[in-house]
């Protein structure tokens, strides 16, 4: 892990008020250390940590991703009601879900237009709208 990646990760955590523990800095470096946005699953982040010879348990990865979500650092996108992806790009934008590879990528937000949403039921408000466009290769 480079000094730049560590510093970027530590600043990312500090900006959200999270204490920079060893595990958090390790996982944050894998997520944002290079300055690029990415989509990960807990399993893919665990694998990346293992590949980098970082000692972290899968349970720690899950708990850390939950803490990152709660702090507003990543957004959870659920596909099929069971598979969770975590996105470091916190802007509102749609996603492509590639069925053949089970991967999530950003879709061009400027090409999406939502004109109307149904009214929320009494006593409720719309918290967010997630758009996931499922793709299958021909």
Protein backbone atom coordinates (compact mmCIF):
# COMPACT_ATOMS: atom_id res chain seq x y z
CA UNK A 1 0.00 0.00 0.00
CA UNK A 2 1.53 3.32 -1.05
CA UNK A 3 1.87 6.33 1.22
CA UNK A 4 -0.45 8.27 -1.12
CA UNK A 5 -3.13 5.55 -0.92
CA UNK A 6 -2.82 5.44 2.87
CA UNK A 7 -3.10 9.22 3.16
CA UNK A 8 -6.05 9.37 0.75
CA UNK A 9 -7.80 6.61 2.71
CA UNK A 10 -7.10 8.19 6.10
CA UNK A 11 -8.48 11.53 4.86
CA UNK A 12 -11.57 9.76 3.42
CA UNK A 13 -12.26 8.15 6.80
CA UNK A 14 -11.57 11.35 8.75
CA UNK A 15 -13.94 13.29 6.50
CA UNK A 16 -16.73 11.01 7.68
CA UNK A 17 -15.63 11.10 11.32
CA UNK A 18 -14.45 7.47 11.35
CA UNK A 19 -11.45 6.45 13.41
CA UNK A 20 -8.69 5.16 11.09
CA UNK A 21 -8.18 1.65 12.49
CA UNK A 22 -5.75 -0.65 10.69
CA UNK A 23 -8.58 -2.66 9.12
CA UNK A 24 -10.49 0.43 8.01
CA UNK A 25 -7.42 2.00 6.43
CA UNK A 26 -6.57 -1.28 4.70
CA UNK A 27 -10.07 -1.67 3.23
CA UNK A 28 -10.39 2.05 2.45
CA UNK A 29 -7.10 1.91 0.55
CA UNK A 30 -8.45 -0.91 -1.58
CA UNK A 31 -11.65 1.07 -2.20
CA UNK A 32 -10.37 4.61 -2.79
CA UNK A 33 -6.60 4.52 -2.47
CA UNK A 34 -6.08 5.06 -6.20
CA UNK A 35 -8.70 7.83 -6.40
CA UNK A 36 -11.01 5.79 -8.63
CA UNK A 37 -14.63 4.90 -7.87
CA UNK A 38 -15.52 1.23 -7.80
CA UNK A 39 -18.26 -1.30 -7.12
CA UNK A 40 -17.40 -4.18 -4.81
CA UNK A 41 -19.09 -6.98 -2.96
CA UNK A 42 -17.92 -7.93 0.51
CA UNK A 43 -16.52 -11.10 -0.99
CA UNK A 44 -14.59 -9.31 -3.75
CA UNK A 45 -13.14 -6.82 -1.24
CA UNK A 46 -12.14 -9.69 1.05
CA UNK A 47 -10.44 -11.40 -1.91
CA UNK A 48 -8.62 -8.18 -2.85
CA UNK A 49 -7.39 -7.82 0.74
CA UNK A 50 -6.21 -11.44 0.77
CA UNK A 51 -4.46 -10.97 -2.58
CA UNK A 52 -2.65 -7.96 -1.07
CA UNK A 53 -1.56 -10.14 1.89
CA UNK A 54 -3.69 -8.09 4.27
CA UNK A 55 -5.02 -10.04 7.23
CA UNK A 56 -8.72 -9.26 7.61
CA UNK A 57 -11.67 -11.60 8.15
CA UNK A 58 -14.76 -11.69 5.96
CA UNK A 59 -16.84 -10.68 9.01
CA UNK A 60 -14.62 -7.61 9.45
CA UNK A 61 -15.12 -6.73 5.77
CA UNK A 62 -18.91 -6.94 6.19
CA UNK A 63 -18.85 -4.88 9.40
CA UNK A 64 -16.51 -2.28 7.89
CA UNK A 65 -18.62 -1.89 4.75
CA UNK A 66 -21.69 -1.41 6.99
CA UNK A 67 -19.81 1.29 8.96
CA UNK A 68 -18.79 2.95 5.67
CA UNK A 69 -22.45 2.91 4.56
CA UNK A 70 -23.65 4.34 7.86
CA UNK A 71 -21.03 7.11 7.60
CA UNK A 72 -22.11 8.00 4.04
CA UNK A 73 -18.86 6.87 2.41
CA UNK A 74 -20.34 4.13 0.23
CA UNK A 75 -23.80 3.31 -1.01
CA UNK A 76 -25.27 -0.17 -0.96
CA UNK A 77 -27.02 -1.34 -4.12
CA UNK A 78 -28.98 -4.56 -3.81
CA UNK A 79 -29.61 -6.73 -6.86
CA UNK A 80 -32.21 -9.51 -6.77
CA UNK A 81 -32.95 -8.71 -3.14
CA UNK A 82 -29.96 -10.70 -1.97
CA UNK A 83 -26.71 -9.62 -3.65
CA UNK A 84 -25.23 -6.39 -2.25
CA UNK A 85 -22.75 -4.20 -4.07
CA UNK A 86 -21.05 -1.21 -2.50
CA UNK A 87 -20.41 1.89 -4.61
CA UNK A 88 -17.87 4.57 -3.71
CA UNK A 89 -19.51 7.03 -6.12
CA UNK A 90 -22.06 8.77 -3.90
CA UNK A 91 -23.66 10.88 -6.64
CA UNK A 92 -27.11 9.90 -7.90
CA UNK A 93 -26.58 7.71 -10.94
CA UNK A 94 -28.00 4.56 -12.55
CA UNK A 95 -26.22 1.22 -12.85
CA UNK A 96 -25.87 -1.59 -15.35
CA UNK A 97 -25.98 -5.08 -13.85
CA UNK A 98 -24.25 -7.58 -16.14
CA UNK A 99 -26.03 -10.89 -15.58
CA UNK A 100 -23.32 -13.06 -17.17
CA UNK A 101 -20.53 -11.79 -14.92
CA UNK A 102 -22.63 -10.61 -11.93
CA UNK A 103 -20.88 -7.23 -12.04
CA UNK A 104 -22.21 -3.74 -11.53
CA UNK A 105 -21.01 -0.73 -13.54
CA UNK A 106 -22.09 2.89 -13.77
CA UNK A 107 -24.61 3.77 -16.48
CA UNK A 108 -24.58 7.25 -18.05
CA UNK A 109 -26.81 9.40 -15.84
CA UNK A 110 -27.27 12.02 -18.56
CA UNK A 111 -29.12 9.47 -20.69
CA UNK A 112 -31.67 8.61 -17.99
CA UNK A 113 -34.83 10.63 -17.63
CA UNK A 114 -37.43 9.96 -14.96
CA UNK A 115 -40.42 12.21 -15.48
CA UNK A 116 -42.85 11.12 -12.78
CA UNK A 117 -42.83 9.01 -9.67
CA UNK A 118 -45.94 7.69 -7.97
CA UNK A 119 -47.00 9.51 -4.81
CA UNK A 120 -45.70 7.88 -1.66
CA UNK A 121 -48.39 6.32 0.54
CA UNK A 122 -49.77 8.39 3.42
CA UNK A 123 -47.23 8.74 6.21
CA UNK A 124 -44.25 7.93 3.96
CA UNK A 125 -41.79 9.82 1.81
CA UNK A 126 -39.53 8.69 -1.01
CA UNK A 127 -36.01 8.33 0.39
CA UNK A 128 -34.28 7.46 -2.88
CA UNK A 129 -34.74 5.90 -6.28
CA UNK A 130 -32.24 3.28 -7.40
CA UNK A 131 -32.09 2.40 -11.08
CA UNK A 132 -30.44 -0.90 -11.99
CA UNK A 133 -30.64 -1.89 -15.66
CA UNK A 134 -30.05 -5.60 -16.14
CA UNK A 135 -27.98 -6.56 -19.19
CA UNK A 136 -27.42 -9.85 -20.95
CA UNK A 137 -24.79 -10.27 -23.66
CA UNK A 138 -26.12 -11.37 -27.05
